[in-house]
Amino acid sequence: MLRRIRLELARTKDYPEGSHAHGYELVAPLTADGRLDVEAWRANRQICTVHRFWKGEDDQTGQLVRTRSERWAFSYEPGAEDDEAIHRLEDHRFVEGEYVSVREPDGETHPLVVVQVRPVPGLG
């Protein structure tokens, strides 16, 4: 089932309480236990999107993709070197309170916490 997943910056040195102004919202299919449903993703790639919001930067909208090296990433410009890798995405459970790490193209990794998972109106 397609879900809208909100990830927000978890506690870091610069943000000891985390931050609601830094994060991602993505649309992705999940299994009943909250894991990425890879087969459903293959059937719905075009609607598996990501919206990056980061205080002080322009928002970005892109796709949840598999890279040539079979890794998961957020891509904002097809073919460009802008992918933000998600470490072991298929192993994560997208349930509130769980953590996910995203590595930006510059190599910096951000810890994020799942703050909301909800159905996508009209899609599932």
N, C-alpha and C. Protein backbone atom coordinates (compact mmCIF):
# COMPACT_ATOMS: atom_id res chain seq x y z
N MET A 1 0.83 -1.18 0.00
CA MET A 1 0.00 0.00 0.00
C MET A 1 0.88 1.25 0.00
N LEU A 2 0.50 2.21 -0.80
CA LEU A 2 1.26 3.46 -0.87
C LEU A 2 1.03 4.28 0.40
N ARG A 3 2.13 4.80 0.92
CA ARG A 3 2.09 5.61 2.14
C ARG A 3 2.89 6.89 1.94
N ARG A 4 2.46 7.94 2.63
CA ARG A 4 3.22 9.18 2.70
C ARG A 4 4.00 9.12 4.02
N ILE A 5 5.31 9.20 3.90
CA ILE A 5 6.20 9.02 5.04
C ILE A 5 6.94 10.34 5.29
N ARG A 6 6.86 10.84 6.50
CA ARG A 6 7.58 12.07 6.84
C ARG A 6 8.76 11.72 7.73
N LEU A 7 9.94 12.15 7.28
CA LEU A 7 11.19 11.97 8.01
C LEU A 7 11.68 13.35 8.42
N GLU A 8 12.09 13.50 9.67
CA GLU A 8 12.64 14.77 10.13
C GLU A 8 14.01 14.53 10.75
N LEU A 9 14.83 15.57 10.70
CA LEU A 9 16.18 15.47 11.25
C LEU A 9 16.12 15.05 12.72
N ALA A 10 16.86 14.00 13.04
CA ALA A 10 16.95 13.51 14.42
C ALA A 10 17.98 14.35 15.17
N ARG A 11 18.23 14.00 16.39
CA ARG A 11 19.21 14.74 17.20
C ARG A 11 20.59 14.69 16.56
N THR A 12 21.20 15.86 16.48
CA THR A 12 22.57 15.99 15.99
C THR A 12 23.29 17.00 16.87
N LYS A 13 24.57 17.16 16.63
CA LYS A 13 25.35 18.16 17.40
C LYS A 13 24.75 19.56 17.21
N ASP A 14 24.41 19.90 15.97
CA ASP A 14 23.85 21.23 15.69
C ASP A 14 22.40 21.37 16.10
N TYR A 15 21.67 20.26 16.18
CA TYR A 15 20.25 20.27 16.54
C TYR A 15 20.00 19.21 17.61
N PRO A 16 20.35 19.50 18.87
CA PRO A 16 20.23 18.50 19.93
C PRO A 16 18.81 18.01 20.18
N GLU A 17 17.82 18.76 19.75
CA GLU A 17 16.43 18.34 19.88
C GLU A 17 15.86 17.85 18.55
N GLY A 18 16.70 17.74 17.53
CA GLY A 18 16.21 17.42 16.20
C GLY A 18 15.66 18.68 15.55
N SER A 19 15.03 18.54 14.38
CA SER A 19 14.49 19.72 13.70
C SER A 19 13.31 19.34 12.82
N HIS A 20 12.19 20.07 13.02
CA HIS A 20 11.01 19.89 12.17
C HIS A 20 11.18 20.62 10.84
N ALA A 21 12.19 21.49 10.74
CA ALA A 21 12.39 22.29 9.54
C ALA A 21 13.37 21.66 8.55
N HIS A 22 13.84 20.46 8.86
CA HIS A 22 14.78 19.74 8.00
C HIS A 22 14.28 18.32 7.82
N GLY A 23 14.02 17.92 6.58
CA GLY A 23 13.58 16.55 6.39
C GLY A 23 13.09 16.24 5.00
N TYR A 24 12.33 15.16 4.93
CA TYR A 24 11.84 14.63 3.66
C TYR A 24 10.42 14.11 3.86
N GLU A 25 9.63 14.22 2.80
CA GLU A 25 8.35 13.51 2.72
C GLU A 25 8.43 12.67 1.48
N LEU A 26 8.13 11.38 1.63
CA LEU A 26 8.17 10.53 0.45
C LEU A 26 6.90 9.71 0.35
N VAL A 27 6.61 9.31 -0.88
CA VAL A 27 5.52 8.40 -1.17
C VAL A 27 6.15 7.10 -1.62
N ALA A 28 5.82 6.01 -0.91
CA ALA A 28 6.41 4.71 -1.23
C ALA A 28 5.46 3.61 -0.78
N PRO A 29 5.51 2.46 -1.45
CA PRO A 29 4.68 1.33 -1.03
C PRO A 29 5.35 0.58 0.12
N LEU A 30 4.56 0.24 1.13
CA LEU A 30 5.08 -0.48 2.28
C LEU A 30 4.33 -1.79 2.47
N THR A 31 5.04 -2.77 3.02
CA THR A 31 4.41 -4.02 3.40
C THR A 31 3.65 -3.81 4.70
N ALA A 32 2.93 -4.83 5.14
CA ALA A 32 2.15 -4.72 6.38
C ALA A 32 3.03 -4.42 7.59
N ASP A 33 4.30 -4.87 7.56
CA ASP A 33 5.18 -4.60 8.70
C ASP A 33 6.00 -3.32 8.55
N GLY A 34 5.69 -2.50 7.52
CA GLY A 34 6.31 -1.19 7.37
C GLY A 34 7.59 -1.16 6.56
N ARG A 35 7.92 -2.23 5.87
CA ARG A 35 9.13 -2.25 5.04
C ARG A 35 8.78 -1.88 3.60
N LEU A 36 9.79 -1.40 2.88
CA LEU A 36 9.59 -1.04 1.48
C LEU A 36 9.17 -2.28 0.70
N ASP A 37 8.08 -2.17 -0.06
CA ASP A 37 7.60 -3.26 -0.91
C ASP A 37 8.23 -3.07 -2.29
N VAL A 38 9.31 -3.79 -2.55
CA VAL A 38 10.10 -3.60 -3.76
C VAL A 38 9.28 -3.90 -5.02
N GLU A 39 8.49 -4.96 -5.00
CA GLU A 39 7.68 -5.30 -6.18
C GLU A 39 6.65 -4.21 -6.46
N ALA A 40 6.02 -3.71 -5.43
CA ALA A 40 5.04 -2.62 -5.63
C ALA A 40 5.75 -1.35 -6.09
N TRP A 41 6.98 -1.12 -5.62
CA TRP A 41 7.74 0.04 -6.09
C TRP A 41 7.97 -0.09 -7.59
N ARG A 42 8.38 -1.27 -8.06
CA ARG A 42 8.63 -1.48 -9.49
C ARG A 42 7.39 -1.15 -10.32
N ALA A 43 6.22 -1.49 -9.80
CA ALA A 43 4.96 -1.25 -10.52
C ALA A 43 4.49 0.20 -10.42
N ASN A 44 5.05 0.97 -9.49
CA ASN A 44 4.57 2.34 -9.24
C ASN A 44 5.69 3.36 -9.18
N ARG A 45 6.78 3.13 -9.88
CA ARG A 45 7.96 4.00 -9.79
C ARG A 45 7.63 5.48 -9.96
N GLN A 46 6.79 5.79 -10.93
CA GLN A 46 6.52 7.20 -11.26
C GLN A 46 5.86 7.97 -10.13
N ILE A 47 5.15 7.26 -9.25
CA ILE A 47 4.47 7.98 -8.16
C ILE A 47 5.20 7.84 -6.82
N CYS A 48 6.37 7.20 -6.85
CA CYS A 48 7.20 7.09 -5.65
C CYS A 48 8.13 8.30 -5.61
N THR A 49 7.64 9.34 -4.97
CA THR A 49 8.32 10.64 -5.01
C THR A 49 8.92 11.00 -3.66
N VAL A 50 9.76 12.02 -3.70
CA VAL A 50 10.36 12.57 -2.48
C VAL A 50 10.33 14.09 -2.57
N HIS A 51 10.05 14.71 -1.43
CA HIS A 51 10.09 16.16 -1.31
C HIS A 51 11.08 16.47 -0.19
N ARG A 52 12.16 17.16 -0.52
CA ARG A 52 13.18 17.52 0.47
C ARG A 52 12.93 18.96 0.92
N PHE A 53 12.80 19.16 2.21
CA PHE A 53 12.68 20.51 2.77
C PHE A 53 13.81 20.69 3.78
N TRP A 54 14.58 21.73 3.59
CA TRP A 54 15.76 21.96 4.42
C TRP A 54 15.87 23.45 4.67
N LYS A 55 15.68 23.87 5.90
CA LYS A 55 15.69 25.29 6.25
C LYS A 55 16.92 25.97 5.67
N GLY A 56 16.69 27.10 5.00
CA GLY A 56 17.78 27.87 4.40
C GLY A 56 18.13 27.45 2.99
N GLU A 57 17.47 26.40 2.47
CA GLU A 57 17.72 25.92 1.11
C GLU A 57 16.41 25.81 0.37
N ASP A 58 16.48 25.85 -0.97
CA ASP A 58 15.28 25.65 -1.78
C ASP A 58 14.77 24.22 -1.62
N ASP A 59 13.45 24.06 -1.61
CA ASP A 59 12.87 22.72 -1.58
C ASP A 59 13.22 22.00 -2.88
N GLN A 60 13.28 20.68 -2.81
CA GLN A 60 13.54 19.87 -3.99
C GLN A 60 12.51 18.75 -4.06
N THR A 61 12.12 18.39 -5.27
CA THR A 61 11.20 17.29 -5.50
C THR A 61 11.85 16.32 -6.47
N GLY A 62 11.74 15.03 -6.17
CA GLY A 62 12.37 14.03 -7.02
C GLY A 62 11.71 12.68 -6.89
N GLN A 63 12.48 11.63 -7.17
CA GLN A 63 11.98 10.26 -7.22
C GLN A 63 12.79 9.37 -6.29
N LEU A 64 12.14 8.32 -5.81
CA LEU A 64 12.82 7.24 -5.12
C LEU A 64 13.32 6.30 -6.20
N VAL A 65 14.63 6.09 -6.28
CA VAL A 65 15.21 5.31 -7.39
C VAL A 65 16.16 4.23 -6.87
N ARG A 66 16.43 3.27 -7.76
CA ARG A 66 17.51 2.30 -7.56
C ARG A 66 18.64 2.76 -8.46
N THR A 67 19.84 2.85 -7.93
CA THR A 67 20.98 3.30 -8.71
C THR A 67 21.55 2.12 -9.50
N ARG A 68 22.50 2.42 -10.38
CA ARG A 68 23.14 1.36 -11.16
C ARG A 68 23.79 0.32 -10.27
N SER A 69 24.25 0.74 -9.11
CA SER A 69 24.88 -0.19 -8.18
C SER A 69 23.86 -0.89 -7.26
N GLU A 70 22.57 -0.78 -7.64
CA GLU A 70 21.49 -1.45 -6.90
C GLU A 70 21.30 -0.91 -5.49
N ARG A 71 21.61 0.36 -5.30
CA ARG A 71 21.35 1.00 -4.02
C ARG A 71 20.15 1.93 -4.17
N TRP A 72 19.49 2.21 -3.07
CA TRP A 72 18.35 3.12 -3.07
C TRP A 72 18.84 4.55 -2.88
N ALA A 73 18.13 5.49 -3.53
CA ALA A 73 18.52 6.90 -3.41
C ALA A 73 17.32 7.78 -3.74
N PHE A 74 17.43 9.03 -3.31
CA PHE A 74 16.52 10.08 -3.74
C PHE A 74 17.23 10.80 -4.88
N SER A 75 16.56 10.97 -6.00
CA SER A 75 17.15 11.66 -7.15
C SER A 75 16.25 12.81 -7.55
N TYR A 76 16.86 13.99 -7.70
CA TYR A 76 16.09 15.19 -8.01
C TYR A 76 16.22 15.60 -9.46
N GLU A 77 17.19 15.06 -10.16
CA GLU A 77 17.40 15.39 -11.57
C GLU A 77 17.93 14.13 -12.26
N PRO A 78 17.08 13.46 -13.06
CA PRO A 78 17.51 12.21 -13.70
C PRO A 78 18.84 12.36 -14.44
N GLY A 79 19.72 11.42 -14.19
CA GLY A 79 21.02 11.42 -14.87
C GLY A 79 22.08 12.28 -14.22
N ALA A 80 21.69 13.12 -13.29
CA ALA A 80 22.66 14.01 -12.63
C ALA A 80 23.27 13.31 -11.43
N GLU A 81 24.37 13.83 -10.96
CA GLU A 81 25.05 13.28 -9.78
C GLU A 81 24.49 13.92 -8.51
N ASP A 82 23.17 13.89 -8.36
CA ASP A 82 22.55 14.54 -7.21
C ASP A 82 21.93 13.54 -6.23
N ASP A 83 22.15 12.26 -6.46
CA ASP A 83 21.49 11.24 -5.65
C ASP A 83 21.90 11.32 -4.19
N GLU A 84 20.89 11.17 -3.32
CA GLU A 84 21.11 11.08 -1.89
C GLU A 84 20.86 9.62 -1.51
N ALA A 85 21.91 8.93 -1.16
CA ALA A 85 21.82 7.50 -0.87
C ALA A 85 21.14 7.24 0.47
N ILE A 86 20.37 6.16 0.51
CA ILE A 86 19.71 5.73 1.73
C ILE A 86 20.31 4.38 2.10
N HIS A 87 20.98 4.34 3.22
CA HIS A 87 21.68 3.13 3.64
C HIS A 87 20.70 2.02 3.98
N ARG A 88 20.78 0.90 3.25
CA ARG A 88 19.99 -0.31 3.50
C ARG A 88 18.50 -0.03 3.63
N LEU A 89 17.97 0.73 2.68
CA LEU A 89 16.56 1.13 2.74
C LEU A 89 15.62 -0.06 2.88
N GLU A 90 15.89 -1.12 2.15
CA GLU A 90 14.99 -2.27 2.19
C GLU A 90 14.96 -2.96 3.56
N ASP A 91 15.95 -2.68 4.42
CA ASP A 91 15.99 -3.28 5.75
C ASP A 91 15.26 -2.44 6.81
N HIS A 92 14.96 -1.19 6.49
CA HIS A 92 14.32 -0.29 7.45
C HIS A 92 12.83 -0.56 7.56
N ARG A 93 12.31 -0.29 8.74
CA ARG A 93 10.86 -0.31 8.95
C ARG A 93 10.41 1.13 9.05
N PHE A 94 9.47 1.50 8.24
CA PHE A 94 8.94 2.86 8.27
C PHE A 94 7.74 2.90 9.20
N VAL A 95 8.06 2.94 10.48
CA VAL A 95 7.06 3.11 11.52
C VAL A 95 7.53 4.26 12.41
N GLU A 96 6.58 4.96 12.97
CA GLU A 96 6.93 6.15 13.76
C GLU A 96 7.92 5.79 14.86
N GLY A 97 8.96 6.63 14.96
CA GLY A 97 9.99 6.44 15.96
C GLY A 97 11.24 5.72 15.46
N GLU A 98 11.17 5.08 14.30
CA GLU A 98 12.33 4.40 13.73
C GLU A 98 13.25 5.42 13.05
N TYR A 99 14.50 5.03 12.85
CA TYR A 99 15.51 5.93 12.27
C TYR A 99 15.98 5.45 10.90
N VAL A 100 16.32 6.43 10.05
CA VAL A 100 16.84 6.19 8.70
C VAL A 100 18.00 7.17 8.50
N SER A 101 19.04 6.75 7.79
CA SER A 101 20.15 7.66 7.47
C SER A 101 20.17 7.95 5.98
N VAL A 102 20.36 9.22 5.64
CA VAL A 102 20.45 9.65 4.24
C VAL A 102 21.79 10.32 4.04
N ARG A 103 22.52 9.89 3.00
CA ARG A 103 23.82 10.49 2.69
C ARG A 103 23.67 11.42 1.49
N GLU A 104 24.03 12.68 1.69
CA GLU A 104 23.94 13.68 0.62
C GLU A 104 25.11 13.49 -0.35
N PRO A 105 24.99 14.08 -1.54
CA PRO A 105 26.06 13.92 -2.55
C PRO A 105 27.43 14.37 -2.06
N ASP A 106 27.47 15.32 -1.11
CA ASP A 106 28.77 15.79 -0.59
C ASP A 106 29.36 14.83 0.45
N GLY A 107 28.65 13.74 0.73
CA GLY A 107 29.14 12.73 1.66
C GLY A 107 28.63 12.87 3.08
N GLU A 108 27.99 13.98 3.41
CA GLU A 108 27.47 14.16 4.76
C GLU A 108 26.24 13.27 4.96
N THR A 109 26.20 12.58 6.09
CA THR A 109 25.08 11.69 6.41
C THR A 109 24.24 12.32 7.51
N HIS A 110 22.92 12.28 7.33
CA HIS A 110 21.99 12.85 8.30
C HIS A 110 21.12 11.75 8.90
N PRO A 111 21.01 11.71 10.23
CA PRO A 111 20.08 10.78 10.87
C PRO A 111 18.68 11.40 10.85
N LEU A 112 17.71 10.61 10.46
CA LEU A 112 16.33 11.08 10.39
C LEU A 112 15.44 10.14 11.17
N VAL A 113 14.38 10.67 11.71
CA VAL A 113 13.42 9.85 12.45
C VAL A 113 12.09 9.87 11.68
N VAL A 114 11.43 8.73 11.64
CA VAL A 114 10.10 8.63 11.01
C VAL A 114 9.12 9.26 11.99
N VAL A 115 8.49 10.36 11.57
CA VAL A 115 7.54 11.03 12.47
C VAL A 115 6.09 10.80 12.07
N GLN A 116 5.86 10.35 10.82
CA GLN A 116 4.48 10.11 10.41
C GLN A 116 4.44 9.17 9.22
N VAL A 117 3.49 8.24 9.23
CA VAL A 117 3.23 7.35 8.11
C VAL A 117 1.72 7.31 7.96
N ARG A 118 1.24 7.70 6.76
CA ARG A 118 -0.21 7.72 6.56
C ARG A 118 -0.56 7.31 5.14
N PRO A 119 -1.78 6.86 4.90
CA PRO A 119 -2.20 6.50 3.54
C PRO A 119 -2.16 7.72 2.63
N VAL A 120 -1.98 7.48 1.35
CA VAL A 120 -1.99 8.54 0.35
C VAL A 120 -3.43 8.60 -0.19
N PRO A 121 -4.15 9.70 0.03
CA PRO A 121 -5.53 9.78 -0.44
C PRO A 121 -5.64 9.47 -1.93
N GLY A 122 -6.54 8.57 -2.26
CA GLY A 122 -6.78 8.20 -3.65
C GLY A 122 -5.79 7.18 -4.20
N LEU A 123 -4.73 6.88 -3.46
CA LEU A 123 -3.75 5.94 -3.97
C LEU A 123 -3.52 4.75 -3.06
N GLY A 124 -4.13 4.72 -1.94
CA GLY A 124 -3.93 3.52 -1.22
C GLY A 124 -3.90 3.40 0.18
